[in-house]
Amino acid sequence: RRPSVQVMSAVIIAYNQLRCFALSVQLFKSFPDLTLNVPGYRALLVAARSVGDVQTVVVALRALEDKGHTLNRAEFESLLTAALRAGDSDTVDMALAALDRLP
């Protein structure tokens, strides 16, 4: 049975509060079709950035945008941080370009 959006979001938020960032990311990846609510994606963003998982940072940012959330400077900086840690120059360039467009 597939877990609900609210339950999975709450679990990821709880893992983050315990500083179990890798576990948050692993849990999310273990359910490929999983969707979260906005707080859940924000928690996933923090977790993915903390463990340097650029792919999951991008997934979380895109999901936030799809839910109508306008990304802010801190969220693009999260992407930049994860990309720098992972040595992903294409994503670094994308994040820098996005930051340059922000006021």
PDB file of N, CA and C in Angstrom:
ATOM      1  N   ARG A   1       0.840  -1.182   0.000  1.00  0.00           N
ATOM      2  CA  ARG A   1       0.000   0.000   0.000  1.00  0.00           C
ATOM      3  C   ARG A   1       0.881   1.241   0.000  1.00  0.00           C
ATOM      4  N   ARG A   2       0.518   2.193  -0.803  1.00  0.00           N
ATOM      5  CA  ARG A   2       1.272   3.435  -0.923  1.00  0.00           C
ATOM      6  C   ARG A   2       0.965   4.378   0.246  1.00  0.00           C
ATOM      7  N   PRO A   3       1.991   4.937   0.875  1.00  0.00           N
ATOM      8  CA  PRO A   3       1.752   5.848   2.006  1.00  0.00           C
ATOM      9  C   PRO A   3       1.143   7.173   1.533  1.00  0.00           C
ATOM     10  N   SER A   4       0.424   7.835   2.407  1.00  0.00           N
ATOM     11  CA  SER A   4      -0.216   9.098   2.040  1.00  0.00           C
ATOM     12  C   SER A   4       0.798  10.240   2.006  1.00  0.00           C
ATOM     13  N   VAL A   5       0.422  11.287   1.303  1.00  0.00           N
ATOM     14  CA  VAL A   5       1.255  12.488   1.185  1.00  0.00           C
ATOM     15  C   VAL A   5       1.535  13.067   2.571  1.00  0.00           C
ATOM     16  N   GLN A   6       0.506  13.160   3.393  1.00  0.00           N
ATOM     17  CA  GLN A   6       0.667  13.766   4.716  1.00  0.00           C
ATOM     18  C   GLN A   6       1.574  12.926   5.609  1.00  0.00           C
ATOM     19  N   VAL A   7       1.407  11.612   5.570  1.00  0.00           N
ATOM     20  CA  VAL A   7       2.213  10.743   6.421  1.00  0.00           C
ATOM     21  C   VAL A   7       3.685  10.809   6.006  1.00  0.00           C
ATOM     22  N   MET A   8       3.949  10.678   4.719  1.00  0.00           N
ATOM     23  CA  MET A   8       5.346  10.696   4.262  1.00  0.00           C
ATOM     24  C   MET A   8       5.995  12.052   4.510  1.00  0.00           C
ATOM     25  N   SER A   9       5.256  13.122   4.293  1.00  0.00           N
ATOM     26  CA  SER A   9       5.793  14.456   4.576  1.00  0.00           C
ATOM     27  C   SER A   9       6.144  14.588   6.051  1.00  0.00           C
ATOM     28  N   ALA A  10       5.250  14.116   6.921  1.00  0.00           N
ATOM     29  CA  ALA A  10       5.491  14.185   8.366  1.00  0.00           C
ATOM     30  C   ALA A  10       6.703  13.352   8.764  1.00  0.00           C
ATOM     31  N   VAL A  11       6.858  12.179   8.155  1.00  0.00           N
ATOM     32  CA  VAL A  11       8.006  11.324   8.476  1.00  0.00           C
ATOM     33  C   VAL A  11       9.311  11.992   8.049  1.00  0.00           C
ATOM     34  N   ILE A  12       9.347  12.562   6.860  1.00  0.00           N
ATOM     35  CA  ILE A  12      10.567  13.230   6.391  1.00  0.00           C
ATOM     36  C   ILE A  12      10.887  14.432   7.277  1.00  0.00           C
ATOM     37  N   ILE A  13       9.875  15.189   7.652  1.00  0.00           N
ATOM     38  CA  ILE A  13      10.094  16.327   8.555  1.00  0.00           C
ATOM     39  C   ILE A  13      10.639  15.837   9.898  1.00  0.00           C
ATOM     40  N   ALA A  14      10.092  14.751  10.425  1.00  0.00           N
ATOM     41  CA  ALA A  14      10.564  14.198  11.701  1.00  0.00           C
ATOM     42  C   ALA A  14      12.012  13.717  11.598  1.00  0.00           C
ATOM     43  N   TYR A  15      12.343  13.026  10.517  1.00  0.00           N
ATOM     44  CA  TYR A  15      13.735  12.598  10.331  1.00  0.00           C
ATOM     45  C   TYR A  15      14.668  13.801  10.318  1.00  0.00           C
ATOM     46  N   ASN A  16      14.254  14.870   9.645  1.00  0.00           N
ATOM     47  CA  ASN A  16      15.099  16.067   9.600  1.00  0.00           C
ATOM     48  C   ASN A  16      15.282  16.671  10.989  1.00  0.00           C
ATOM     49  N   GLN A  17      14.223  16.666  11.774  1.00  0.00           N
ATOM     50  CA  GLN A  17      14.336  17.219  13.125  1.00  0.00           C
ATOM     51  C   GLN A  17      15.334  16.416  13.954  1.00  0.00           C
ATOM     52  N   LEU A  18      15.471  15.137  13.622  1.00  0.00           N
ATOM     53  CA  LEU A  18      16.450  14.279  14.299  1.00  0.00           C
ATOM     54  C   LEU A  18      17.827  14.327  13.630  1.00  0.00           C
ATOM     55  N   ARG A  19      17.932  15.139  12.577  1.00  0.00           N
ATOM     56  CA  ARG A  19      19.175  15.292  11.799  1.00  0.00           C
ATOM     57  C   ARG A  19      19.550  14.006  11.056  1.00  0.00           C
ATOM     58  N   CYS A  20      18.558  13.226  10.703  1.00  0.00           N
ATOM     59  CA  CYS A  20      18.764  11.992   9.923  1.00  0.00           C
ATOM     60  C   CYS A  20      18.523  12.300   8.443  1.00  0.00           C
ATOM     61  N   PHE A  21      19.342  13.197   7.893  1.00  0.00           N
ATOM     62  CA  PHE A  21      19.118  13.693   6.544  1.00  0.00           C
ATOM     63  C   PHE A  21      19.235  12.603   5.479  1.00  0.00           C
ATOM     64  N   ALA A  22      20.232  11.744   5.613  1.00  0.00           N
ATOM     65  CA  ALA A  22      20.403  10.669   4.630  1.00  0.00           C
ATOM     66  C   ALA A  22      19.201   9.733   4.639  1.00  0.00           C
ATOM     67  N   LEU A  23      18.642   9.496   5.805  1.00  0.00           N
ATOM     68  CA  LEU A  23      17.469   8.634   5.912  1.00  0.00           C
ATOM     69  C   LEU A  23      16.255   9.275   5.241  1.00  0.00           C
ATOM     70  N   SER A  24      16.116  10.587   5.367  1.00  0.00           N
ATOM     71  CA  SER A  24      15.028  11.299   4.687  1.00  0.00           C
ATOM     72  C   SER A  24      15.112  11.110   3.183  1.00  0.00           C
ATOM     73  N   VAL A  25      16.310  11.302   2.640  1.00  0.00           N
ATOM     74  CA  VAL A  25      16.515  11.178   1.192  1.00  0.00           C
ATOM     75  C   VAL A  25      16.293   9.732   0.750  1.00  0.00           C
ATOM     76  N   GLN A  26      16.824   8.796   1.513  1.00  0.00           N
ATOM     77  CA  GLN A  26      16.668   7.376   1.170  1.00  0.00           C
ATOM     78  C   GLN A  26      15.186   6.978   1.182  1.00  0.00           C
ATOM     79  N   LEU A  27      14.452   7.431   2.165  1.00  0.00           N
ATOM     80  CA  LEU A  27      13.027   7.125   2.247  1.00  0.00           C
ATOM     81  C   LEU A  27      12.299   7.673   1.024  1.00  0.00           C
ATOM     82  N   PHE A  28      12.579   8.905   0.661  1.00  0.00           N
ATOM     83  CA  PHE A  28      11.938   9.503  -0.498  1.00  0.00           C
ATOM     84  C   PHE A  28      12.256   8.712  -1.767  1.00  0.00           C
ATOM     85  N   LYS A  29      13.501   8.323  -1.926  1.00  0.00           N
ATOM     86  CA  LYS A  29      13.909   7.592  -3.131  1.00  0.00           C
ATOM     87  C   LYS A  29      13.338   6.171  -3.175  1.00  0.00           C
ATOM     88  N   SER A  30      12.962   5.639  -2.040  1.00  0.00           N
ATOM     89  CA  SER A  30      12.432   4.277  -2.025  1.00  0.00           C
ATOM     90  C   SER A  30      10.989   4.208  -2.534  1.00  0.00           C
ATOM     91  N   PHE A  31      10.356   5.351  -2.713  1.00  0.00           N
ATOM     92  CA  PHE A  31       8.999   5.440  -3.267  1.00  0.00           C
ATOM     93  C   PHE A  31       9.033   6.368  -4.475  1.00  0.00           C
ATOM     94  N   PRO A  32       9.382   5.843  -5.662  1.00  0.00           N
ATOM     95  CA  PRO A  32       9.618   6.683  -6.839  1.00  0.00           C
ATOM     96  C   PRO A  32       8.441   7.570  -7.252  1.00  0.00           C
ATOM     97  N   ASP A  33       7.213   7.144  -7.012  1.00  0.00           N
ATOM     98  CA  ASP A  33       6.054   7.947  -7.413  1.00  0.00           C
ATOM     99  C   ASP A  33       5.485   8.779  -6.268  1.00  0.00           C
ATOM    100  N   LEU A  34       6.237   8.895  -5.208  1.00  0.00           N
ATOM    101  CA  LEU A  34       5.765   9.596  -4.018  1.00  0.00           C
ATOM    102  C   LEU A  34       5.672  11.096  -4.266  1.00  0.00           C
ATOM    103  N   THR A  35       4.590  11.681  -3.786  1.00  0.00           N
ATOM    104  CA  THR A  35       4.485  13.137  -3.756  1.00  0.00           C
ATOM    105  C   THR A  35       4.377  13.560  -2.301  1.00  0.00           C
ATOM    106  N   LEU A  36       4.828  14.775  -2.041  1.00  0.00           N
ATOM    107  CA  LEU A  36       4.801  15.330  -0.694  1.00  0.00           C
ATOM    108  C   LEU A  36       4.014  16.627  -0.721  1.00  0.00           C
ATOM    109  N   ASN A  37       3.740  17.173   0.450  1.00  0.00           N
ATOM    110  CA  ASN A  37       3.160  18.506   0.507  1.00  0.00           C
ATOM    111  C   ASN A  37       4.310  19.523   0.554  1.00  0.00           C
ATOM    112  N   VAL A  38       3.993  20.806   0.521  1.00  0.00           N
ATOM    113  CA  VAL A  38       5.039  21.840   0.455  1.00  0.00           C
ATOM    114  C   VAL A  38       6.007  21.746   1.639  1.00  0.00           C
ATOM    115  N   PRO A  39       5.537  21.605   2.889  1.00  0.00           N
ATOM    116  CA  PRO A  39       6.503  21.461   3.990  1.00  0.00           C
ATOM    117  C   PRO A  39       7.385  20.213   3.839  1.00  0.00           C
ATOM    118  N   GLY A  40       6.797  19.147   3.302  1.00  0.00           N
ATOM    119  CA  GLY A  40       7.578  17.926   3.077  1.00  0.00           C
ATOM    120  C   GLY A  40       8.677  18.135   2.052  1.00  0.00           C
ATOM    121  N   TYR A  41       8.352  18.827   0.962  1.00  0.00           N
ATOM    122  CA  TYR A  41       9.378  19.113  -0.055  1.00  0.00           C
ATOM    123  C   TYR A  41      10.438  20.067   0.484  1.00  0.00           C
ATOM    124  N   ARG A  42      10.041  21.001   1.309  1.00  0.00           N
ATOM    125  CA  ARG A  42      11.045  21.902   1.916  1.00  0.00           C
ATOM    126  C   ARG A  42      11.997  21.104   2.816  1.00  0.00           C
ATOM    127  N   ALA A  43      11.442  20.179   3.581  1.00  0.00           N
ATOM    128  CA  ALA A  43      12.283  19.328   4.442  1.00  0.00           C
ATOM    129  C   ALA A  43      13.184  18.442   3.598  1.00  0.00           C
ATOM    130  N   LEU A  44      12.646  17.902   2.505  1.00  0.00           N
ATOM    131  CA  LEU A  44      13.460  17.083   1.604  1.00  0.00           C
ATOM    132  C   LEU A  44      14.585  17.909   0.996  1.00  0.00           C
ATOM    133  N   LEU A  45      14.295  19.152   0.661  1.00  0.00           N
ATOM    134  CA  LEU A  45      15.312  20.050   0.110  1.00  0.00           C
ATOM    135  C   LEU A  45      16.465  20.231   1.091  1.00  0.00           C
ATOM    136  N   VAL A  46      16.150  20.458   2.344  1.00  0.00           N
ATOM    137  CA  VAL A  46      17.179  20.609   3.382  1.00  0.00           C
ATOM    138  C   VAL A  46      18.000  19.326   3.515  1.00  0.00           C
ATOM    139  N   ALA A  47      17.311  18.198   3.546  1.00  0.00           N
ATOM    140  CA  ALA A  47      17.998  16.911   3.699  1.00  0.00           C
ATOM    141  C   ALA A  47      18.908  16.628   2.515  1.00  0.00           C
ATOM    142  N   ALA A  48      18.388  16.821   1.309  1.00  0.00           N
ATOM    143  CA  ALA A  48      19.178  16.529   0.101  1.00  0.00           C
ATOM    144  C   ALA A  48      20.390  17.442   0.004  1.00  0.00           C
ATOM    145  N   ARG A  49      20.198  18.707   0.339  1.00  0.00           N
ATOM    146  CA  ARG A  49      21.338  19.636   0.325  1.00  0.00           C
ATOM    147  C   ARG A  49      22.380  19.210   1.354  1.00  0.00           C
ATOM    148  N   SER A  50      21.926  18.780   2.511  1.00  0.00           N
ATOM    149  CA  SER A  50      22.845  18.392   3.583  1.00  0.00           C
ATOM    150  C   SER A  50      23.711  17.196   3.219  1.00  0.00           C
ATOM    151  N   VAL A  51      23.154  16.282   2.417  1.00  0.00           N
ATOM    152  CA  VAL A  51      23.935  15.104   2.025  1.00  0.00           C
ATOM    153  C   VAL A  51      24.541  15.252   0.638  1.00  0.00           C
ATOM    154  N   GLY A  52      24.339  16.418  -0.006  1.00  0.00           N
ATOM    155  CA  GLY A  52      24.937  16.679  -1.310  1.00  0.00           C
ATOM    156  C   GLY A  52      24.293  15.920  -2.454  1.00  0.00           C
ATOM    157  N   ASP A  53      22.998  15.638  -2.340  1.00  0.00           N
ATOM    158  CA  ASP A  53      22.279  14.906  -3.386  1.00  0.00           C
ATOM    159  C   ASP A  53      21.626  15.907  -4.338  1.00  0.00           C
ATOM    160  N   VAL A  54      22.368  16.284  -5.378  1.00  0.00           N
ATOM    161  CA  VAL A  54      21.907  17.313  -6.309  1.00  0.00           C
ATOM    162  C   VAL A  54      20.616  16.899  -7.003  1.00  0.00           C
ATOM    163  N   GLN A  55      20.522  15.652  -7.419  1.00  0.00           N
ATOM    164  CA  GLN A  55      19.337  15.185  -8.136  1.00  0.00           C
ATOM    165  C   GLN A  55      18.079  15.363  -7.291  1.00  0.00           C
ATOM    166  N   THR A  56      18.155  15.026  -6.023  1.00  0.00           N
ATOM    167  CA  THR A  56      16.987  15.161  -5.151  1.00  0.00           C
ATOM    168  C   THR A  56      16.695  16.627  -4.849  1.00  0.00           C
ATOM    169  N   VAL A  57      17.728  17.468  -4.758  1.00  0.00           N
ATOM    170  CA  VAL A  57      17.507  18.909  -4.594  1.00  0.00           C
ATOM    171  C   VAL A  57      16.703  19.435  -5.780  1.00  0.00           C
ATOM    172  N   VAL A  58      17.103  19.043  -6.984  1.00  0.00           N
ATOM    173  CA  VAL A  58      16.397  19.495  -8.189  1.00  0.00           C
ATOM    174  C   VAL A  58      14.958  18.977  -8.197  1.00  0.00           C
ATOM    175  N   VAL A  59      14.755  17.720  -7.838  1.00  0.00           N
ATOM    176  CA  VAL A  59      13.400  17.155  -7.773  1.00  0.00           C
ATOM    177  C   VAL A  59      12.541  17.961  -6.798  1.00  0.00           C
ATOM    178  N   ALA A  60      13.081  18.266  -5.633  1.00  0.00           N
ATOM    179  CA  ALA A  60      12.322  19.016  -4.626  1.00  0.00           C
ATOM    180  C   ALA A  60      11.995  20.426  -5.114  1.00  0.00           C
ATOM    181  N   LEU A  61      12.960  21.089  -5.739  1.00  0.00           N
ATOM    182  CA  LEU A  61      12.721  22.444  -6.242  1.00  0.00           C
ATOM    183  C   LEU A  61      11.667  22.446  -7.349  1.00  0.00           C
ATOM    184  N   ARG A  62      11.758  21.483  -8.253  1.00  0.00           N
ATOM    185  CA  ARG A  62      10.759  21.403  -9.332  1.00  0.00           C
ATOM    186  C   ARG A  62       9.371  21.109  -8.769  1.00  0.00           C
ATOM    187  N   ALA A  63       9.302  20.248  -7.777  1.00  0.00           N
ATOM    188  CA  ALA A  63       8.009  19.931  -7.169  1.00  0.00           C
ATOM    189  C   ALA A  63       7.419  21.154  -6.481  1.00  0.00           C
ATOM    190  N   LEU A  64       8.259  21.927  -5.817  1.00  0.00           N
ATOM    191  CA  LEU A  64       7.769  23.150  -5.183  1.00  0.00           C
ATOM    192  C   LEU A  64       7.225  24.115  -6.229  1.00  0.00           C
ATOM    193  N   GLU A  65       7.933  24.248  -7.344  1.00  0.00           N
ATOM    194  CA  GLU A  65       7.453  25.115  -8.425  1.00  0.00           C
ATOM    195  C   GLU A  65       6.127  24.596  -8.982  1.00  0.00           C
ATOM    196  N   ASP A  66       6.033  23.277  -9.174  1.00  0.00           N
ATOM    197  CA  ASP A  66       4.804  22.673  -9.701  1.00  0.00           C
ATOM    198  C   ASP A  66       3.623  22.912  -8.774  1.00  0.00           C
ATOM    199  N   LYS A  67       3.886  23.046  -7.486  1.00  0.00           N
ATOM    200  CA  LYS A  67       2.824  23.297  -6.513  1.00  0.00           C
ATOM    201  C   LYS A  67       2.511  24.791  -6.388  1.00  0.00           C
ATOM    202  N   GLY A  68       3.108  25.599  -7.273  1.00  0.00           N
ATOM    203  CA  GLY A  68       2.818  27.029  -7.281  1.00  0.00           C
ATOM    204  C   GLY A  68       3.688  27.851  -6.362  1.00  0.00           C
ATOM    205  N   HIS A  69       4.700  27.244  -5.783  1.00  0.00           N
ATOM    206  CA  HIS A  69       5.607  27.952  -4.873  1.00  0.00           C
ATOM    207  C   HIS A  69       6.679  28.671  -5.694  1.00  0.00           C
ATOM    208  N   THR A  70       6.822  29.971  -5.517  1.00  0.00           N
ATOM    209  CA  THR A  70       7.863  30.728  -6.186  1.00  0.00           C
ATOM    210  C   THR A  70       9.164  30.532  -5.422  1.00  0.00           C
ATOM    211  N   LEU A  71      10.169  30.042  -6.124  1.00  0.00           N
ATOM    212  CA  LEU A  71      11.447  29.764  -5.455  1.00  0.00           C
ATOM    213  C   LEU A  71      12.134  31.068  -5.072  1.00  0.00           C
ATOM    214  N   ASN A  72      12.737  31.058  -3.902  1.00  0.00           N
ATOM    215  CA  ASN A  72      13.410  32.255  -3.409  1.00  0.00           C
ATOM    216  C   ASN A  72      14.930  32.070  -3.444  1.00  0.00           C
ATOM    217  N   ARG A  73      15.616  33.094  -3.060  1.00  0.00           N
ATOM    218  CA  ARG A  73      17.080  33.075  -3.092  1.00  0.00           C
ATOM    219  C   ARG A  73      17.652  31.922  -2.263  1.00  0.00           C
ATOM    220  N   ALA A  74      17.111  31.669  -1.094  1.00  0.00           N
ATOM    221  CA  ALA A  74      17.636  30.607  -0.225  1.00  0.00           C
ATOM    222  C   ALA A  74      17.506  29.240  -0.893  1.00  0.00           C
ATOM    223  N   GLU A  75      16.417  29.033  -1.616  1.00  0.00           N
ATOM    224  CA  GLU A  75      16.222  27.740  -2.266  1.00  0.00           C
ATOM    225  C   GLU A  75      17.198  27.549  -3.437  1.00  0.00           C
ATOM    226  N   PHE A  76      17.430  28.602  -4.201  1.00  0.00           N
ATOM    227  CA  PHE A  76      18.436  28.494  -5.262  1.00  0.00           C
ATOM    228  C   PHE A  76      19.843  28.362  -4.674  1.00  0.00           C
ATOM    229  N   GLU A  77      20.075  28.988  -3.527  1.00  0.00           N
ATOM    230  CA  GLU A  77      21.370  28.822  -2.856  1.00  0.00           C
ATOM    231  C   GLU A  77      21.534  27.383  -2.364  1.00  0.00           C
ATOM    232  N   SER A  78      20.428  26.742  -1.971  1.00  0.00           N
ATOM    233  CA  SER A  78      20.473  25.322  -1.599  1.00  0.00           C
ATOM    234  C   SER A  78      20.929  24.475  -2.779  1.00  0.00           C
ATOM    235  N   LEU A  79      20.378  24.775  -3.932  1.00  0.00           N
ATOM    236  CA  LEU A  79      20.763  24.064  -5.151  1.00  0.00           C
ATOM    237  C   LEU A  79      22.233  24.305  -5.457  1.00  0.00           C
ATOM    238  N   LEU A  80      22.660  25.536  -5.349  1.00  0.00           N
ATOM    239  CA  LEU A  80      24.060  25.877  -5.613  1.00  0.00           C
ATOM    240  C   LEU A  80      24.991  25.148  -4.651  1.00  0.00           C
ATOM    241  N   THR A  81      24.650  25.124  -3.379  1.00  0.00           N
ATOM    242  CA  THR A  81      25.467  24.445  -2.370  1.00  0.00           C
ATOM    243  C   THR A  81      25.608  22.957  -2.681  1.00  0.00           C
ATOM    244  N   ALA A  82      24.492  22.314  -2.974  1.00  0.00           N
ATOM    245  CA  ALA A  82      24.530  20.882  -3.283  1.00  0.00           C
ATOM    246  C   ALA A  82      25.331  20.619  -4.553  1.00  0.00           C
ATOM    247  N   ALA A  83      25.148  21.454  -5.557  1.00  0.00           N
ATOM    248  CA  ALA A  83      25.865  21.267  -6.822  1.00  0.00           C
ATOM    249  C   ALA A  83      27.362  21.473  -6.642  1.00  0.00           C
ATOM    250  N   LEU A  84      27.742  22.449  -5.851  1.00  0.00           N
ATOM    251  CA  LEU A  84      29.170  22.678  -5.585  1.00  0.00           C
ATOM    252  C   LEU A  84      29.785  21.493  -4.857  1.00  0.00           C
ATOM    253  N   ARG A  85      29.080  20.977  -3.866  1.00  0.00           N
ATOM    254  CA  ARG A  85      29.581  19.816  -3.120  1.00  0.00           C
ATOM    255  C   ARG A  85      29.737  18.596  -4.015  1.00  0.00           C
ATOM    256  N   ALA A  86      28.821  18.458  -4.969  1.00  0.00           N
ATOM    257  CA  ALA A  86      28.850  17.289  -5.855  1.00  0.00           C
ATOM    258  C   ALA A  86      29.740  17.498  -7.075  1.00  0.00           C
ATOM    259  N   GLY A  87      30.209  18.732  -7.281  1.00  0.00           N
ATOM    260  CA  GLY A  87      31.038  19.012  -8.453  1.00  0.00           C
ATOM    261  C   GLY A  87      30.242  19.009  -9.744  1.00  0.00           C
ATOM    262  N   ASP A  88      28.963  19.348  -9.676  1.00  0.00           N
ATOM    263  CA  ASP A  88      28.073  19.349 -10.843  1.00  0.00           C
ATOM    264  C   ASP A  88      28.078  20.752 -11.462  1.00  0.00           C
ATOM    265  N   SER A  89      28.955  20.972 -12.427  1.00  0.00           N
ATOM    266  CA  SER A  89      29.145  22.319 -12.972  1.00  0.00           C
ATOM    267  C   SER A  89      27.933  22.821 -13.754  1.00  0.00           C
ATOM    268  N   ASP A  90      27.195  21.936 -14.420  1.00  0.00           N
ATOM    269  CA  ASP A  90      26.008  22.379 -15.157  1.00  0.00           C
ATOM    270  C   ASP A  90      24.948  22.935 -14.210  1.00  0.00           C
ATOM    271  N   THR A  91      24.739  22.246 -13.099  1.00  0.00           N
ATOM    272  CA  THR A  91      23.752  22.712 -12.129  1.00  0.00           C
ATOM    273  C   THR A  91      24.243  23.963 -11.422  1.00  0.00           C
ATOM    274  N   VAL A  92      25.547  24.065 -11.181  1.00  0.00           N
ATOM    275  CA  VAL A  92      26.107  25.296 -10.602  1.00  0.00           C
ATOM    276  C   VAL A  92      25.794  26.473 -11.523  1.00  0.00           C
ATOM    277  N   ASP A  93      26.031  26.303 -12.819  1.00  0.00           N
ATOM    278  CA  ASP A  93      25.755  27.372 -13.780  1.00  0.00           C
ATOM    279  C   ASP A  93      24.278  27.758 -13.782  1.00  0.00           C
ATOM    280  N   MET A  94      23.395  26.740 -13.731  1.00  0.00           N
ATOM    281  CA  MET A  94      21.961  27.006 -13.721  1.00  0.00           C
ATOM    282  C   MET A  94      21.557  27.779 -12.465  1.00  0.00           C
ATOM    283  N   ALA A  95      22.086  27.376 -11.316  1.00  0.00           N
ATOM    284  CA  ALA A  95      21.748  28.046 -10.059  1.00  0.00           C
ATOM    285  C   ALA A  95      22.271  29.478 -10.041  1.00  0.00           C
ATOM    286  N   LEU A  96      23.481  29.679 -10.538  1.00  0.00           N
ATOM    287  CA  LEU A  96      24.039  31.034 -10.584  1.00  0.00           C
ATOM    288  C   LEU A  96      23.228  31.936 -11.504  1.00  0.00           C
ATOM    289  N   ALA A  97      22.808  31.400 -12.649  1.00  0.00           N
ATOM    290  CA  ALA A  97      21.988  32.181 -13.578  1.00  0.00           C
ATOM    291  C   ALA A  97      20.659  32.554 -12.932  1.00  0.00           C
ATOM    292  N   ALA A  98      20.056  31.617 -12.228  1.00  0.00           N
ATOM    293  CA  ALA A  98      18.784  31.892 -11.540  1.00  0.00           C
ATOM    294  C   ALA A  98      18.976  32.944 -10.455  1.00  0.00           C
ATOM    295  N   LEU A  99      20.067  32.849  -9.709  1.00  0.00           N
ATOM    296  CA  LEU A  99      20.338  33.840  -8.663  1.00  0.00           C
ATOM    297  C   LEU A  99      20.566  35.220  -9.254  1.00  0.00           C
ATOM    298  N   ASP A 100      21.201  35.295 -10.411  1.00  0.00           N
ATOM    299  CA  ASP A 100      21.432  36.586 -11.067  1.00  0.00           C
ATOM    300  C   ASP A 100      20.118  37.245 -11.487  1.00  0.00           C
ATOM    301  N   ARG A 101      19.103  36.450 -11.796  1.00  0.00           N
ATOM    302  CA  ARG A 101      17.809  36.996 -12.225  1.00  0.00           C
ATOM    303  C   ARG A 101      16.948  37.483 -11.056  1.00  0.00           C
ATOM    304  N   LEU A 102      17.281  37.042  -9.850  1.00  0.00           N
ATOM    305  CA  LEU A 102      16.488  37.445  -8.687  1.00  0.00           C
ATOM    306  C   LEU A 102      16.843  38.874  -8.265  1.00  0.00           C
ATOM    307  N   PRO A 103      15.852  39.582  -7.719  1.00  0.00           N
ATOM    308  CA  PRO A 103      16.127  40.954  -7.244  1.00  0.00           C
ATOM    309  C   PRO A 103      17.038  40.979  -6.041  1.00  0.00           C
TER     310      PRO A 103
END
